[in-house]
N, C-alpha and C. Protein backbone atom coordinates (compact mmCIF):
# COMPACT_ATOMS: atom_id res chain seq x y z
N MET A 1 -30.98 44.51 20.39
CA MET A 1 -29.63 44.42 19.86
C MET A 1 -28.96 43.12 20.28
N SER A 2 -29.16 42.73 21.52
CA SER A 2 -28.54 41.49 21.98
C SER A 2 -29.14 40.27 21.29
N CYS A 3 -30.38 40.38 20.86
CA CYS A 3 -31.01 39.27 20.13
C CYS A 3 -30.30 39.03 18.80
N ILE A 4 -29.85 40.08 18.16
CA ILE A 4 -29.11 39.95 16.90
C ILE A 4 -27.77 39.26 17.14
N TYR A 5 -27.09 39.63 18.22
CA TYR A 5 -25.80 39.01 18.54
C TYR A 5 -25.96 37.53 18.85
N ILE A 6 -27.00 37.21 19.57
CA ILE A 6 -27.24 35.79 19.90
C ILE A 6 -27.57 35.00 18.64
N THR A 7 -28.39 35.57 17.78
CA THR A 7 -28.74 34.90 16.52
C THR A 7 -27.50 34.74 15.65
N LEU A 8 -26.68 35.75 15.55
CA LEU A 8 -25.45 35.68 14.78
C LEU A 8 -24.50 34.63 15.35
N PHE A 9 -24.40 34.58 16.66
CA PHE A 9 -23.57 33.57 17.32
C PHE A 9 -24.08 32.16 17.02
N LEU A 10 -25.37 31.93 17.10
CA LEU A 10 -25.94 30.62 16.84
C LEU A 10 -25.76 30.19 15.39
N VAL A 11 -25.93 31.12 14.48
CA VAL A 11 -25.72 30.81 13.05
C VAL A 11 -24.26 30.45 12.81
N THR A 12 -23.36 31.21 13.41
CA THR A 12 -21.93 30.92 13.27
C THR A 12 -21.59 29.54 13.83
N MET A 13 -22.13 29.21 14.98
CA MET A 13 -21.89 27.89 15.59
C MET A 13 -22.46 26.77 14.73
N LEU A 14 -23.60 27.00 14.11
CA LEU A 14 -24.20 26.02 13.22
C LEU A 14 -23.30 25.77 12.00
N ILE A 15 -22.79 26.83 11.42
CA ILE A 15 -21.90 26.69 10.26
C ILE A 15 -20.62 25.94 10.65
N ILE A 16 -20.05 26.29 11.79
CA ILE A 16 -18.83 25.62 12.24
C ILE A 16 -19.09 24.15 12.53
N SER A 17 -20.22 23.84 13.12
CA SER A 17 -20.52 22.43 13.41
C SER A 17 -20.73 21.63 12.13
N GLN A 18 -21.33 22.24 11.10
CA GLN A 18 -21.51 21.57 9.82
C GLN A 18 -20.15 21.31 9.14
N GLN A 19 -19.25 22.27 9.21
CA GLN A 19 -17.92 22.08 8.64
C GLN A 19 -17.16 20.99 9.39
N ASN A 20 -17.31 20.99 10.70
CA ASN A 20 -16.65 19.98 11.51
C ASN A 20 -17.17 18.58 11.17
N GLU A 21 -18.46 18.45 11.04
CA GLU A 21 -19.07 17.17 10.69
C GLU A 21 -18.61 16.71 9.30
N SER A 22 -18.51 17.64 8.38
CA SER A 22 -18.04 17.31 7.04
C SER A 22 -16.60 16.81 7.07
N CYS A 23 -15.76 17.44 7.85
CA CYS A 23 -14.36 17.02 7.97
C CYS A 23 -14.26 15.62 8.58
N PHE A 24 -15.04 15.36 9.63
CA PHE A 24 -15.02 14.04 10.25
C PHE A 24 -15.51 12.96 9.29
N ARG A 25 -16.52 13.29 8.50
CA ARG A 25 -17.05 12.32 7.54
C ARG A 25 -16.01 12.02 6.46
N GLN A 26 -15.36 13.03 5.94
CA GLN A 26 -14.33 12.80 4.92
C GLN A 26 -13.18 11.99 5.49
N ASP A 27 -12.80 12.27 6.72
CA ASP A 27 -11.73 11.51 7.36
C ASP A 27 -12.12 10.04 7.49
N PHE A 28 -13.35 9.78 7.92
CA PHE A 28 -13.83 8.41 8.04
C PHE A 28 -13.83 7.70 6.70
N LEU A 29 -14.32 8.37 5.66
CA LEU A 29 -14.39 7.76 4.33
C LEU A 29 -12.99 7.45 3.78
N LEU A 30 -12.04 8.36 4.00
CA LEU A 30 -10.68 8.12 3.55
C LEU A 30 -10.04 6.95 4.29
N LYS A 31 -10.25 6.86 5.59
CA LYS A 31 -9.70 5.74 6.35
C LYS A 31 -10.31 4.43 5.90
N ASN A 32 -11.61 4.44 5.65
CA ASN A 32 -12.29 3.23 5.19
C ASN A 32 -11.78 2.82 3.81
N LYS A 33 -11.58 3.79 2.92
CA LYS A 33 -11.07 3.49 1.58
C LYS A 33 -9.64 2.95 1.67
N ASN A 34 -8.81 3.55 2.50
CA ASN A 34 -7.43 3.08 2.66
C ASN A 34 -7.39 1.67 3.23
N ARG A 35 -8.27 1.37 4.18
CA ARG A 35 -8.32 0.03 4.76
C ARG A 35 -8.72 -0.99 3.69
N THR A 36 -9.69 -0.64 2.86
CA THR A 36 -10.13 -1.53 1.78
C THR A 36 -9.01 -1.75 0.78
N GLU A 37 -8.33 -0.68 0.40
CA GLU A 37 -7.22 -0.81 -0.55
C GLU A 37 -6.09 -1.63 0.04
N GLN A 38 -5.80 -1.47 1.32
CA GLN A 38 -4.75 -2.24 1.97
C GLN A 38 -5.11 -3.72 1.97
N ASP A 39 -6.38 -4.05 2.20
CA ASP A 39 -6.82 -5.44 2.15
C ASP A 39 -6.65 -6.02 0.76
N GLU A 40 -6.98 -5.22 -0.26
CA GLU A 40 -6.81 -5.67 -1.64
C GLU A 40 -5.33 -5.90 -1.97
N ILE A 41 -4.47 -5.03 -1.49
CA ILE A 41 -3.04 -5.18 -1.74
C ILE A 41 -2.52 -6.45 -1.08
N GLU A 42 -2.92 -6.71 0.16
CA GLU A 42 -2.48 -7.92 0.84
C GLU A 42 -2.98 -9.16 0.12
N THR A 43 -4.21 -9.13 -0.38
CA THR A 43 -4.75 -10.26 -1.12
C THR A 43 -3.95 -10.51 -2.39
N ARG A 44 -3.62 -9.44 -3.11
CA ARG A 44 -2.85 -9.60 -4.35
C ARG A 44 -1.42 -10.09 -4.06
N GLU A 45 -0.82 -9.59 -2.98
CA GLU A 45 0.52 -10.06 -2.63
C GLU A 45 0.51 -11.54 -2.28
N ASN A 46 -0.51 -11.96 -1.54
CA ASN A 46 -0.62 -13.38 -1.20
C ASN A 46 -0.84 -14.23 -2.45
N LEU A 47 -1.68 -13.75 -3.36
CA LEU A 47 -1.92 -14.47 -4.61
C LEU A 47 -0.65 -14.56 -5.44
N ASN A 48 0.07 -13.46 -5.54
CA ASN A 48 1.34 -13.47 -6.29
C ASN A 48 2.34 -14.43 -5.67
N ARG A 49 2.41 -14.44 -4.33
CA ARG A 49 3.31 -15.35 -3.65
C ARG A 49 2.95 -16.80 -3.94
N LEU A 50 1.66 -17.12 -3.89
CA LEU A 50 1.22 -18.48 -4.17
C LEU A 50 1.52 -18.87 -5.61
N LEU A 51 1.29 -17.95 -6.55
CA LEU A 51 1.59 -18.25 -7.95
C LEU A 51 3.08 -18.47 -8.17
N LEU A 52 3.91 -17.64 -7.54
CA LEU A 52 5.35 -17.82 -7.66
C LEU A 52 5.81 -19.14 -7.06
N GLU A 53 5.22 -19.51 -5.92
CA GLU A 53 5.61 -20.76 -5.29
C GLU A 53 5.17 -21.97 -6.11
N ASN A 54 4.12 -21.82 -6.91
CA ASN A 54 3.71 -22.92 -7.79
C ASN A 54 4.63 -23.06 -8.99
N VAL A 55 5.19 -21.94 -9.44
CA VAL A 55 6.03 -21.96 -10.63
C VAL A 55 7.49 -22.22 -10.28
N LEU A 56 7.96 -21.59 -9.21
CA LEU A 56 9.37 -21.67 -8.84
C LEU A 56 9.54 -22.51 -7.58
N PRO A 57 10.74 -23.00 -7.34
CA PRO A 57 10.99 -23.65 -6.06
C PRO A 57 10.80 -22.67 -4.91
N ALA A 58 10.50 -23.19 -3.73
CA ALA A 58 10.14 -22.34 -2.59
C ALA A 58 11.25 -21.37 -2.22
N HIS A 59 12.52 -21.84 -2.23
CA HIS A 59 13.60 -20.94 -1.82
C HIS A 59 13.83 -19.82 -2.83
N VAL A 60 13.56 -20.08 -4.12
CA VAL A 60 13.70 -19.03 -5.13
C VAL A 60 12.52 -18.06 -5.04
N ALA A 61 11.32 -18.59 -4.83
CA ALA A 61 10.14 -17.73 -4.70
C ALA A 61 10.27 -16.82 -3.50
N ALA A 62 10.88 -17.31 -2.42
CA ALA A 62 11.06 -16.48 -1.23
C ALA A 62 11.94 -15.27 -1.53
N LEU A 63 12.90 -15.42 -2.43
CA LEU A 63 13.75 -14.29 -2.80
C LEU A 63 12.96 -13.22 -3.54
N PHE A 64 12.01 -13.62 -4.36
CA PHE A 64 11.23 -12.67 -5.14
C PHE A 64 10.14 -12.01 -4.32
N VAL A 65 9.67 -12.65 -3.27
CA VAL A 65 8.53 -12.16 -2.51
C VAL A 65 8.96 -11.25 -1.37
N GLY A 66 10.23 -11.24 -1.00
CA GLY A 66 10.69 -10.45 0.14
C GLY A 66 10.27 -9.00 0.06
N GLU A 67 10.00 -8.38 1.21
CA GLU A 67 9.50 -7.01 1.25
C GLU A 67 10.52 -6.01 0.69
N ASN A 68 11.78 -6.19 0.99
CA ASN A 68 12.80 -5.23 0.56
C ASN A 68 13.40 -5.59 -0.80
N LYS A 69 12.91 -6.63 -1.42
CA LYS A 69 13.50 -7.12 -2.66
C LYS A 69 12.78 -6.61 -3.91
N LYS A 70 11.81 -5.73 -3.78
CA LYS A 70 11.01 -5.32 -4.92
C LYS A 70 11.84 -4.66 -6.01
N ASN A 71 12.89 -3.94 -5.66
CA ASN A 71 13.70 -3.24 -6.65
C ASN A 71 14.91 -4.07 -7.07
N GLU A 72 15.09 -5.24 -6.49
CA GLU A 72 16.26 -6.04 -6.77
C GLU A 72 15.95 -7.29 -7.58
N VAL A 73 14.82 -7.35 -8.25
CA VAL A 73 14.43 -8.56 -8.96
C VAL A 73 15.41 -8.87 -10.08
N GLY A 74 15.82 -7.86 -10.84
CA GLY A 74 16.79 -8.09 -11.90
C GLY A 74 18.11 -8.60 -11.36
N PHE A 75 18.56 -8.03 -10.26
CA PHE A 75 19.79 -8.47 -9.63
C PHE A 75 19.67 -9.92 -9.17
N LEU A 76 18.54 -10.27 -8.60
CA LEU A 76 18.34 -11.64 -8.11
C LEU A 76 18.33 -12.65 -9.25
N THR A 77 17.67 -12.32 -10.35
CA THR A 77 17.63 -13.27 -11.47
C THR A 77 19.02 -13.45 -12.05
N ASN A 78 19.77 -12.37 -12.17
CA ASN A 78 21.13 -12.49 -12.70
C ASN A 78 22.01 -13.31 -11.76
N THR A 79 21.87 -13.08 -10.46
CA THR A 79 22.66 -13.82 -9.49
C THR A 79 22.31 -15.29 -9.51
N LEU A 80 21.02 -15.60 -9.54
CA LEU A 80 20.61 -17.00 -9.54
C LEU A 80 21.04 -17.71 -10.82
N LEU A 81 20.94 -17.03 -11.96
CA LEU A 81 21.34 -17.65 -13.22
C LEU A 81 22.84 -17.88 -13.27
N THR A 82 23.62 -16.92 -12.79
CA THR A 82 25.07 -17.11 -12.84
C THR A 82 25.52 -18.19 -11.88
N LYS A 83 24.84 -18.35 -10.75
CA LYS A 83 25.21 -19.42 -9.83
C LYS A 83 24.84 -20.78 -10.41
N LYS A 84 23.68 -20.89 -11.03
CA LYS A 84 23.22 -22.18 -11.51
C LYS A 84 23.97 -22.61 -12.77
N TYR A 85 24.14 -21.71 -13.72
CA TYR A 85 24.72 -22.07 -15.00
C TYR A 85 26.17 -21.61 -15.14
N LYS A 86 26.69 -20.92 -14.13
CA LYS A 86 28.05 -20.40 -14.17
C LYS A 86 28.31 -19.62 -15.45
N VAL A 87 27.40 -18.70 -15.73
CA VAL A 87 27.48 -17.86 -16.92
C VAL A 87 28.37 -16.68 -16.57
N GLY A 88 29.20 -16.32 -17.50
CA GLY A 88 30.08 -15.18 -17.28
C GLY A 88 31.24 -15.25 -18.24
N VAL A 89 32.05 -14.24 -18.21
CA VAL A 89 33.21 -14.21 -19.07
C VAL A 89 34.31 -15.03 -18.44
N GLN A 90 34.82 -15.96 -19.22
CA GLN A 90 35.90 -16.80 -18.73
C GLN A 90 37.22 -16.34 -19.33
N ASP A 91 38.26 -16.45 -18.52
CA ASP A 91 39.59 -16.07 -19.01
C ASP A 91 40.05 -17.12 -19.99
N GLY A 92 40.55 -16.65 -21.15
CA GLY A 92 40.88 -17.50 -22.26
C GLY A 92 42.19 -18.13 -22.19
């Protein structure tokens, strides 16, 4: 009878160890994939920054590349255009 309990215990431990190994492997693969994607994102951001700096003056490109400025691009273009060309409604 004790042989059955020992065998059952060993089979249970084997199953648990296989599940544990599977979880560790998936965790490793996800971390590796995220690291690769993060590297790709940084490469694209650097490329976009370089392209913007080639097209626009450096101080204007810096406004578009800022980390917190991603949602304010329309605001920045309107602000820059109104400052440069003084566009707006004038009192008659």
